[in-house]
Amino acid sequence: MKLPERIRGLRQERLSSLRPLGEFFDHQRISRPQDTNEAFQRITYNTRHFSGNYAVVIACLAVYGLLTSPILLVAIFFLVGGFWAINRFAPEPMQVGEHVVTQKSLYTGLFVIGLPLLWWASPVALFFWLVGSSAFLVLGHAAFIEPPVSSEYTGVETV
């Protein structure tokens, strides 16, 4: 299975499991769990029940994080654009003055400029911010939203 097909399948699977916003933001079902066991049960149920919604929340946080880090965007566009331009316009060695410029030398130049720029943009900080903020939002929501009464009977079979 090719990557675009996997992405389409994953997107269709996640979007089909989206719950309505009225159910996701139901303020009447918000309550503090009585103990850690109840919080863990709520988190277990709600992360499965609202998995599509949580994926959208995490994607929105990732987009927000990228948009608020312009240096990281420049670094990513520089590296991706550089790869694209080298593959598109310089597949064969070319003569520039007395020097022969090869793809290898172009990639070396791209890495010499692009990797320090990427390091300076600190993608690791964005990654840890994304992990922390999404864990806080997802686990907080999942712990404080009461599962419906029907969730207690999901494992019970009728005869």
N, C-alpha and C. Protein backbone atom coordinates (compact mmCIF):
# COMPACT_ATOMS: atom_id res chain seq x y z
N MET A 1 0.84 -1.18 0.00
CA MET A 1 0.00 0.00 0.00
C MET A 1 0.89 1.25 0.00
N LYS A 2 0.62 2.18 -0.89
CA LYS A 2 1.45 3.37 -1.02
C LYS A 2 1.07 4.40 0.03
N LEU A 3 1.98 5.33 0.27
CA LEU A 3 1.81 6.33 1.32
C LEU A 3 0.57 7.20 1.12
N PRO A 4 0.29 7.75 -0.08
CA PRO A 4 -0.93 8.55 -0.24
C PRO A 4 -2.20 7.76 0.05
N GLU A 5 -2.21 6.47 -0.32
CA GLU A 5 -3.38 5.64 -0.04
C GLU A 5 -3.54 5.43 1.46
N ARG A 6 -2.44 5.23 2.17
CA ARG A 6 -2.50 5.07 3.63
C ARG A 6 -3.01 6.34 4.29
N ILE A 7 -2.53 7.49 3.80
CA ILE A 7 -2.97 8.76 4.38
C ILE A 7 -4.46 8.96 4.14
N ARG A 8 -4.92 8.66 2.93
CA ARG A 8 -6.35 8.79 2.64
C ARG A 8 -7.17 7.85 3.52
N GLY A 9 -6.71 6.61 3.67
CA GLY A 9 -7.43 5.64 4.50
C GLY A 9 -7.47 6.06 5.96
N LEU A 10 -6.34 6.55 6.47
CA LEU A 10 -6.28 7.02 7.85
C LEU A 10 -7.18 8.23 8.05
N ARG A 11 -7.17 9.15 7.08
CA ARG A 11 -8.01 10.34 7.18
C ARG A 11 -9.50 9.95 7.15
N GLN A 12 -9.87 9.04 6.27
CA GLN A 12 -11.26 8.62 6.21
C GLN A 12 -11.68 7.90 7.48
N GLU A 13 -10.79 7.08 8.02
CA GLU A 13 -11.08 6.35 9.25
C GLU A 13 -11.25 7.32 10.42
N ARG A 14 -10.35 8.29 10.55
CA ARG A 14 -10.41 9.26 11.64
C ARG A 14 -11.61 10.19 11.50
N LEU A 15 -11.86 10.66 10.27
CA LEU A 15 -12.98 11.58 10.09
C LEU A 15 -14.32 10.88 10.26
N SER A 16 -14.37 9.59 10.00
CA SER A 16 -15.63 8.88 10.20
C SER A 16 -15.92 8.67 11.68
N SER A 17 -14.89 8.75 12.53
CA SER A 17 -15.11 8.56 13.96
C SER A 17 -15.28 9.88 14.71
N LEU A 18 -15.42 11.00 13.99
CA LEU A 18 -15.64 12.28 14.65
C LEU A 18 -17.01 12.30 15.32
N ARG A 19 -17.05 12.77 16.52
CA ARG A 19 -18.31 12.94 17.24
C ARG A 19 -18.80 14.37 17.04
N PRO A 20 -20.11 14.59 17.14
CA PRO A 20 -20.62 15.96 16.98
C PRO A 20 -20.05 16.90 18.04
N LEU A 21 -19.92 18.18 17.67
CA LEU A 21 -19.37 19.16 18.61
C LEU A 21 -20.24 19.32 19.85
N GLY A 22 -21.55 19.15 19.69
CA GLY A 22 -22.44 19.24 20.85
C GLY A 22 -22.15 18.16 21.88
N GLU A 23 -21.77 16.99 21.41
CA GLU A 23 -21.42 15.90 22.31
C GLU A 23 -20.01 16.10 22.87
N PHE A 24 -19.10 16.61 22.04
CA PHE A 24 -17.71 16.80 22.48
C PHE A 24 -17.61 17.92 23.52
N PHE A 25 -18.41 18.98 23.35
CA PHE A 25 -18.38 20.11 24.28
C PHE A 25 -19.62 20.15 25.16
N ASP A 26 -20.14 19.00 25.55
CA ASP A 26 -21.33 18.93 26.39
C ASP A 26 -20.99 19.36 27.81
N HIS A 27 -21.33 20.62 28.14
CA HIS A 27 -20.97 21.15 29.46
C HIS A 27 -21.80 20.55 30.59
N GLN A 28 -22.90 19.88 30.28
CA GLN A 28 -23.72 19.27 31.32
C GLN A 28 -23.11 17.97 31.84
N ARG A 29 -22.20 17.39 31.08
CA ARG A 29 -21.55 16.14 31.50
C ARG A 29 -20.21 16.37 32.16
N ILE A 30 -19.85 17.61 32.42
CA ILE A 30 -18.56 17.90 33.06
C ILE A 30 -18.71 17.74 34.56
N SER A 31 -17.85 16.93 35.14
CA SER A 31 -17.81 16.78 36.60
C SER A 31 -16.43 16.30 37.00
N ARG A 32 -16.07 16.58 38.23
CA ARG A 32 -14.78 16.15 38.74
C ARG A 32 -14.85 14.68 39.11
N PRO A 33 -13.87 13.89 38.69
CA PRO A 33 -13.89 12.47 39.09
C PRO A 33 -13.65 12.35 40.60
N GLN A 34 -14.27 11.33 41.20
CA GLN A 34 -14.18 11.18 42.66
C GLN A 34 -12.81 10.68 43.09
N ASP A 35 -12.19 9.85 42.28
CA ASP A 35 -10.87 9.34 42.64
C ASP A 35 -10.08 9.02 41.36
N THR A 36 -8.88 8.56 41.53
CA THR A 36 -8.02 8.28 40.38
C THR A 36 -8.55 7.13 39.55
N ASN A 37 -9.15 6.15 40.17
CA ASN A 37 -9.69 5.02 39.44
C ASN A 37 -10.79 5.48 38.48
N GLU A 38 -11.68 6.33 38.97
CA GLU A 38 -12.75 6.83 38.11
C GLU A 38 -12.17 7.70 36.99
N ALA A 39 -11.16 8.51 37.29
CA ALA A 39 -10.52 9.33 36.26
C ALA A 39 -9.89 8.45 35.20
N PHE A 40 -9.23 7.37 35.62
CA PHE A 40 -8.60 6.46 34.66
C PHE A 40 -9.66 5.78 33.79
N GLN A 41 -10.79 5.39 34.37
CA GLN A 41 -11.87 4.76 33.59
C GLN A 41 -12.43 5.76 32.57
N ARG A 42 -12.62 7.00 33.01
CA ARG A 42 -13.13 8.01 32.08
C ARG A 42 -12.14 8.26 30.94
N ILE A 43 -10.86 8.36 31.28
CA ILE A 43 -9.85 8.59 30.25
C ILE A 43 -9.82 7.44 29.26
N THR A 44 -9.92 6.22 29.77
CA THR A 44 -9.90 5.05 28.90
C THR A 44 -11.09 5.06 27.95
N TYR A 45 -12.28 5.34 28.46
CA TYR A 45 -13.47 5.34 27.62
C TYR A 45 -13.44 6.52 26.64
N ASN A 46 -13.19 7.72 27.15
CA ASN A 46 -13.29 8.92 26.32
C ASN A 46 -12.22 9.00 25.24
N THR A 47 -11.02 8.47 25.50
CA THR A 47 -10.01 8.51 24.45
C THR A 47 -10.38 7.61 23.27
N ARG A 48 -11.07 6.53 23.54
CA ARG A 48 -11.56 5.69 22.43
C ARG A 48 -12.77 6.34 21.77
N HIS A 49 -13.67 6.88 22.57
CA HIS A 49 -14.93 7.44 22.07
C HIS A 49 -14.69 8.70 21.23
N PHE A 50 -13.80 9.57 21.68
CA PHE A 50 -13.54 10.83 21.01
C PHE A 50 -12.20 10.84 20.27
N SER A 51 -11.71 9.70 19.83
CA SER A 51 -10.38 9.64 19.22
C SER A 51 -10.26 10.53 17.99
N GLY A 52 -11.27 10.59 17.17
CA GLY A 52 -11.23 11.46 15.99
C GLY A 52 -11.17 12.92 16.38
N ASN A 53 -11.96 13.31 17.36
CA ASN A 53 -11.95 14.70 17.82
C ASN A 53 -10.59 15.07 18.42
N TYR A 54 -10.01 14.15 19.18
CA TYR A 54 -8.70 14.42 19.77
C TYR A 54 -7.63 14.53 18.68
N ALA A 55 -7.74 13.75 17.63
CA ALA A 55 -6.79 13.85 16.51
C ALA A 55 -6.89 15.22 15.85
N VAL A 56 -8.10 15.74 15.71
CA VAL A 56 -8.27 17.07 15.13
C VAL A 56 -7.68 18.13 16.06
N VAL A 57 -7.88 17.99 17.37
CA VAL A 57 -7.32 18.94 18.33
C VAL A 57 -5.79 18.94 18.24
N ILE A 58 -5.19 17.77 18.17
CA ILE A 58 -3.73 17.67 18.07
C ILE A 58 -3.24 18.26 16.75
N ALA A 59 -3.96 18.01 15.66
CA ALA A 59 -3.57 18.58 14.37
C ALA A 59 -3.66 20.11 14.40
N CYS A 60 -4.69 20.65 15.03
CA CYS A 60 -4.82 22.10 15.14
C CYS A 60 -3.69 22.68 15.99
N LEU A 61 -3.32 22.00 17.07
CA LEU A 61 -2.20 22.46 17.89
C LEU A 61 -0.89 22.42 17.09
N ALA A 62 -0.70 21.40 16.27
CA ALA A 62 0.51 21.30 15.46
C ALA A 62 0.58 22.43 14.44
N VAL A 63 -0.54 22.73 13.79
CA VAL A 63 -0.58 23.82 12.82
C VAL A 63 -0.31 25.15 13.53
N TYR A 64 -0.93 25.36 14.68
CA TYR A 64 -0.70 26.57 15.46
C TYR A 64 0.77 26.70 15.85
N GLY A 65 1.36 25.61 16.29
CA GLY A 65 2.77 25.63 16.68
C GLY A 65 3.68 25.97 15.51
N LEU A 66 3.38 25.42 14.33
CA LEU A 66 4.19 25.74 13.15
C LEU A 66 4.00 27.20 12.72
N LEU A 67 2.76 27.68 12.76
CA LEU A 67 2.51 29.05 12.33
C LEU A 67 3.10 30.08 13.28
N THR A 68 3.26 29.74 14.54
CA THR A 68 3.84 30.68 15.49
C THR A 68 5.36 30.56 15.56
N SER A 69 5.94 29.72 14.74
CA SER A 69 7.39 29.59 14.67
C SER A 69 7.85 29.85 13.23
N PRO A 70 7.95 31.13 12.86
CA PRO A 70 8.28 31.43 11.46
C PRO A 70 9.67 30.95 11.05
N ILE A 71 10.62 30.91 11.98
CA ILE A 71 11.96 30.44 11.62
C ILE A 71 11.91 28.96 11.25
N LEU A 72 11.10 28.20 11.97
CA LEU A 72 10.96 26.78 11.65
C LEU A 72 10.30 26.60 10.28
N LEU A 73 9.30 27.42 9.98
CA LEU A 73 8.67 27.35 8.66
C LEU A 73 9.67 27.67 7.55
N VAL A 74 10.48 28.69 7.77
CA VAL A 74 11.50 29.05 6.77
C VAL A 74 12.48 27.90 6.59
N ALA A 75 12.92 27.30 7.69
CA ALA A 75 13.87 26.19 7.61
C ALA A 75 13.27 25.00 6.86
N ILE A 76 12.03 24.67 7.16
CA ILE A 76 11.38 23.54 6.49
C ILE A 76 11.20 23.83 5.00
N PHE A 77 10.71 25.03 4.67
CA PHE A 77 10.53 25.39 3.26
C PHE A 77 11.87 25.44 2.54
N PHE A 78 12.92 25.91 3.21
CA PHE A 78 14.25 25.96 2.60
C PHE A 78 14.73 24.56 2.26
N LEU A 79 14.62 23.63 3.22
CA LEU A 79 15.11 22.27 2.98
C LEU A 79 14.26 21.54 1.94
N VAL A 80 12.94 21.60 2.08
CA VAL A 80 12.07 20.91 1.12
C VAL A 80 12.20 21.54 -0.26
N GLY A 81 12.20 22.87 -0.32
CA GLY A 81 12.36 23.55 -1.61
C GLY A 81 13.72 23.29 -2.23
N GLY A 82 14.75 23.20 -1.40
CA GLY A 82 16.08 22.89 -1.90
C GLY A 82 16.15 21.50 -2.51
N PHE A 83 15.57 20.52 -1.82
CA PHE A 83 15.53 19.16 -2.38
C PHE A 83 14.78 19.14 -3.71
N TRP A 84 13.65 19.81 -3.73
CA TRP A 84 12.85 19.84 -4.94
C TRP A 84 13.61 20.50 -6.08
N ALA A 85 14.23 21.67 -5.80
CA ALA A 85 14.94 22.41 -6.84
C ALA A 85 16.15 21.63 -7.35
N ILE A 86 16.88 21.00 -6.46
CA ILE A 86 18.06 20.22 -6.90
C ILE A 86 17.63 19.06 -7.77
N ASN A 87 16.58 18.34 -7.37
CA ASN A 87 16.12 17.20 -8.17
C ASN A 87 15.51 17.66 -9.50
N ARG A 88 14.87 18.81 -9.51
CA ARG A 88 14.19 19.28 -10.71
C ARG A 88 15.15 19.93 -11.71
N PHE A 89 16.03 20.81 -11.23
CA PHE A 89 16.83 21.63 -12.14
C PHE A 89 18.29 21.21 -12.27
N ALA A 90 18.77 20.31 -11.42
CA ALA A 90 20.18 19.94 -11.51
C ALA A 90 20.39 18.43 -11.43
N PRO A 91 19.73 17.67 -12.31
CA PRO A 91 19.94 16.22 -12.25
C PRO A 91 21.32 15.81 -12.77
N GLU A 92 21.89 16.61 -13.65
CA GLU A 92 23.19 16.30 -14.25
C GLU A 92 24.22 17.33 -13.77
N PRO A 93 25.50 16.94 -13.71
CA PRO A 93 26.53 17.93 -13.35
C PRO A 93 26.57 19.06 -14.37
N MET A 94 26.86 20.28 -13.87
CA MET A 94 26.92 21.43 -14.77
C MET A 94 28.23 22.20 -14.56
N GLN A 95 28.64 22.86 -15.59
CA GLN A 95 29.88 23.63 -15.57
C GLN A 95 29.54 25.08 -15.21
N VAL A 96 30.15 25.60 -14.12
CA VAL A 96 29.99 26.98 -13.73
C VAL A 96 31.40 27.58 -13.66
N GLY A 97 31.74 28.36 -14.68
CA GLY A 97 33.11 28.89 -14.76
C GLY A 97 34.09 27.75 -14.94
N GLU A 98 35.02 27.64 -14.01
CA GLU A 98 36.00 26.56 -14.07
C GLU A 98 35.62 25.36 -13.21
N HIS A 99 34.50 25.46 -12.49
CA HIS A 99 34.09 24.42 -11.54
C HIS A 99 32.95 23.58 -12.11
N VAL A 100 32.96 22.31 -11.74
CA VAL A 100 31.86 21.41 -12.09
C VAL A 100 31.02 21.23 -10.83
N VAL A 101 29.72 21.58 -10.95
CA VAL A 101 28.80 21.49 -9.81
C VAL A 101 27.96 20.23 -9.98
N THR A 102 28.04 19.34 -9.00
CA THR A 102 27.28 18.09 -9.05
C THR A 102 26.13 18.15 -8.04
N GLN A 103 25.24 17.16 -8.14
CA GLN A 103 24.15 17.07 -7.16
C GLN A 103 24.70 16.90 -5.76
N LYS A 104 25.76 16.14 -5.64
CA LYS A 104 26.35 15.90 -4.32
C LYS A 104 26.82 17.21 -3.68
N SER A 105 27.46 18.06 -4.45
CA SER A 105 27.93 19.34 -3.89
C SER A 105 26.75 20.26 -3.57
N LEU A 106 25.70 20.21 -4.37
CA LEU A 106 24.50 21.01 -4.08
C LEU A 106 23.82 20.53 -2.79
N TYR A 107 23.71 19.22 -2.63
CA TYR A 107 23.14 18.68 -1.39
C TYR A 107 24.00 19.03 -0.19
N THR A 108 25.32 19.00 -0.36
CA THR A 108 26.21 19.38 0.73
C THR A 108 25.98 20.83 1.14
N GLY A 109 25.87 21.71 0.17
CA GLY A 109 25.59 23.12 0.45
C GLY A 109 24.23 23.31 1.12
N LEU A 110 23.25 22.56 0.65
CA LEU A 110 21.92 22.64 1.25
C LEU A 110 21.96 22.22 2.71
N PHE A 111 22.66 21.14 3.01
CA PHE A 111 22.77 20.68 4.40
C PHE A 111 23.60 21.63 5.26
N VAL A 112 24.67 22.19 4.71
CA VAL A 112 25.52 23.10 5.47
C VAL A 112 24.73 24.34 5.89
N ILE A 113 23.82 24.79 5.06
CA ILE A 113 23.00 25.96 5.41
C ILE A 113 21.73 25.54 6.13
N GLY A 114 21.06 24.50 5.65
CA GLY A 114 19.73 24.12 6.15
C GLY A 114 19.72 23.51 7.53
N LEU A 115 20.68 22.65 7.84
CA LEU A 115 20.67 21.98 9.15
C LEU A 115 20.94 22.94 10.32
N PRO A 116 21.91 23.87 10.21
CA PRO A 116 22.03 24.85 11.31
C PRO A 116 20.79 25.74 11.43
N LEU A 117 20.19 26.09 10.30
CA LEU A 117 18.96 26.87 10.34
C LEU A 117 17.85 26.09 11.04
N LEU A 118 17.76 24.82 10.72
CA LEU A 118 16.76 23.97 11.37
C LEU A 118 17.06 23.82 12.86
N TRP A 119 18.33 23.67 13.21
CA TRP A 119 18.72 23.55 14.63
C TRP A 119 18.37 24.83 15.38
N TRP A 120 18.61 25.98 14.75
CA TRP A 120 18.31 27.27 15.37
C TRP A 120 16.80 27.45 15.55
N ALA A 121 16.00 26.87 14.67
CA ALA A 121 14.54 27.00 14.76
C ALA A 121 13.95 26.13 15.86
N SER A 122 14.72 25.24 16.43
CA SER A 122 14.37 24.36 17.55
C SER A 122 13.07 23.57 17.36
N PRO A 123 13.07 22.61 16.43
CA PRO A 123 11.89 21.77 16.24
C PRO A 123 11.64 20.84 17.44
N VAL A 124 12.69 20.54 18.21
CA VAL A 124 12.52 19.67 19.37
C VAL A 124 11.66 20.36 20.42
N ALA A 125 11.86 21.67 20.59
CA ALA A 125 11.04 22.44 21.53
C ALA A 125 9.57 22.43 21.09
N LEU A 126 9.33 22.58 19.80
CA LEU A 126 7.96 22.53 19.28
C LEU A 126 7.36 21.15 19.52
N PHE A 127 8.15 20.11 19.31
CA PHE A 127 7.65 18.75 19.52
C PHE A 127 7.24 18.54 20.98
N PHE A 128 8.11 18.94 21.92
CA PHE A 128 7.76 18.75 23.33
C PHE A 128 6.61 19.64 23.75
N TRP A 129 6.50 20.85 23.18
CA TRP A 129 5.34 21.70 23.46
C TRP A 129 4.07 21.02 22.96
N LEU A 130 4.14 20.44 21.77
CA LEU A 130 2.98 19.76 21.19
C LEU A 130 2.57 18.56 22.04
N VAL A 131 3.54 17.77 22.48
CA VAL A 131 3.24 16.61 23.33
C VAL A 131 2.61 17.07 24.65
N GLY A 132 3.20 18.07 25.28
CA GLY A 132 2.69 18.53 26.57
C GLY A 132 1.32 19.17 26.47
N SER A 133 1.14 20.06 25.51
CA SER A 133 -0.15 20.75 25.40
C SER A 133 -1.26 19.80 24.97
N SER A 134 -0.97 18.89 24.06
CA SER A 134 -2.01 17.95 23.63
C SER A 134 -2.34 16.97 24.75
N ALA A 135 -1.33 16.53 25.51
CA ALA A 135 -1.61 15.63 26.64
C ALA A 135 -2.45 16.34 27.68
N PHE A 136 -2.14 17.59 27.96
CA PHE A 136 -2.91 18.36 28.94
C PHE A 136 -4.35 18.51 28.49
N LEU A 137 -4.57 18.90 27.23
CA LEU A 137 -5.94 19.11 26.75
C LEU A 137 -6.72 17.81 26.63
N VAL A 138 -6.10 16.80 26.04
CA VAL A 138 -6.81 15.54 25.81
C VAL A 138 -7.10 14.84 27.13
N LEU A 139 -6.09 14.69 27.98
CA LEU A 139 -6.32 14.00 29.25
C LEU A 139 -7.23 14.80 30.17
N GLY A 140 -7.12 16.13 30.13
CA GLY A 140 -8.02 16.96 30.93
C GLY A 140 -9.46 16.82 30.49
N HIS A 141 -9.69 16.88 29.19
CA HIS A 141 -11.05 16.71 28.69
C HIS A 141 -11.58 15.32 28.99
N ALA A 142 -10.76 14.32 28.74
CA ALA A 142 -11.20 12.94 28.94
C ALA A 142 -11.48 12.64 30.40
N ALA A 143 -10.76 13.25 31.32
CA ALA A 143 -10.97 12.97 32.74
C ALA A 143 -12.21 13.68 33.28
N PHE A 144 -12.57 14.83 32.72
CA PHE A 144 -13.67 15.61 33.30
C PHE A 144 -15.00 15.41 32.60
N ILE A 145 -15.05 14.72 31.47
CA ILE A 145 -16.32 14.44 30.80
C ILE A 145 -16.82 13.07 31.23
N GLU A 146 -18.03 13.05 31.78
CA GLU A 146 -18.62 11.77 32.21
C GLU A 146 -19.04 10.95 30.99
N PRO A 147 -18.71 9.69 30.97
CA PRO A 147 -19.22 8.83 29.89
C PRO A 147 -20.73 8.67 30.03
N PRO A 148 -21.44 8.43 28.94
CA PRO A 148 -22.89 8.22 29.05
C PRO A 148 -23.18 6.91 29.80
N VAL A 149 -24.40 6.80 30.27
CA VAL A 149 -24.80 5.60 31.02
C VAL A 149 -24.70 4.36 30.13
N SER A 150 -24.93 4.51 28.85
CA SER A 150 -24.86 3.36 27.94
C SER A 150 -23.46 2.77 27.88
N SER A 151 -22.43 3.55 28.25
CA SER A 151 -21.06 3.04 28.19
C SER A 151 -20.82 1.93 29.21
N GLU A 152 -21.62 1.88 30.28
CA GLU A 152 -21.45 0.84 31.29
C GLU A 152 -21.93 -0.52 30.78
N TYR A 153 -22.72 -0.50 29.71
CA TYR A 153 -23.28 -1.75 29.20
C TYR A 153 -22.68 -2.14 27.87
N THR A 154 -21.54 -1.57 27.50
CA THR A 154 -20.96 -1.89 26.20
C THR A 154 -20.44 -3.32 26.12
N GLY A 155 -19.99 -3.89 27.22
CA GLY A 155 -19.46 -5.26 27.20
C GLY A 155 -20.51 -6.31 27.50
N VAL A 156 -21.74 -5.90 27.80
CA VAL A 156 -22.78 -6.85 28.18
C VAL A 156 -23.51 -7.32 26.92
N GLU A 157 -23.63 -8.63 26.78
CA GLU A 157 -24.35 -9.18 25.64
C GLU A 157 -25.77 -9.52 26.05
N THR A 158 -26.73 -9.29 25.16
CA THR A 158 -28.11 -9.65 25.43
C THR A 158 -28.38 -11.02 24.85
N VAL A 159 -29.18 -11.81 25.57
CA VAL A 159 -29.47 -13.17 25.14
C VAL A 159 -30.89 -13.23 24.62
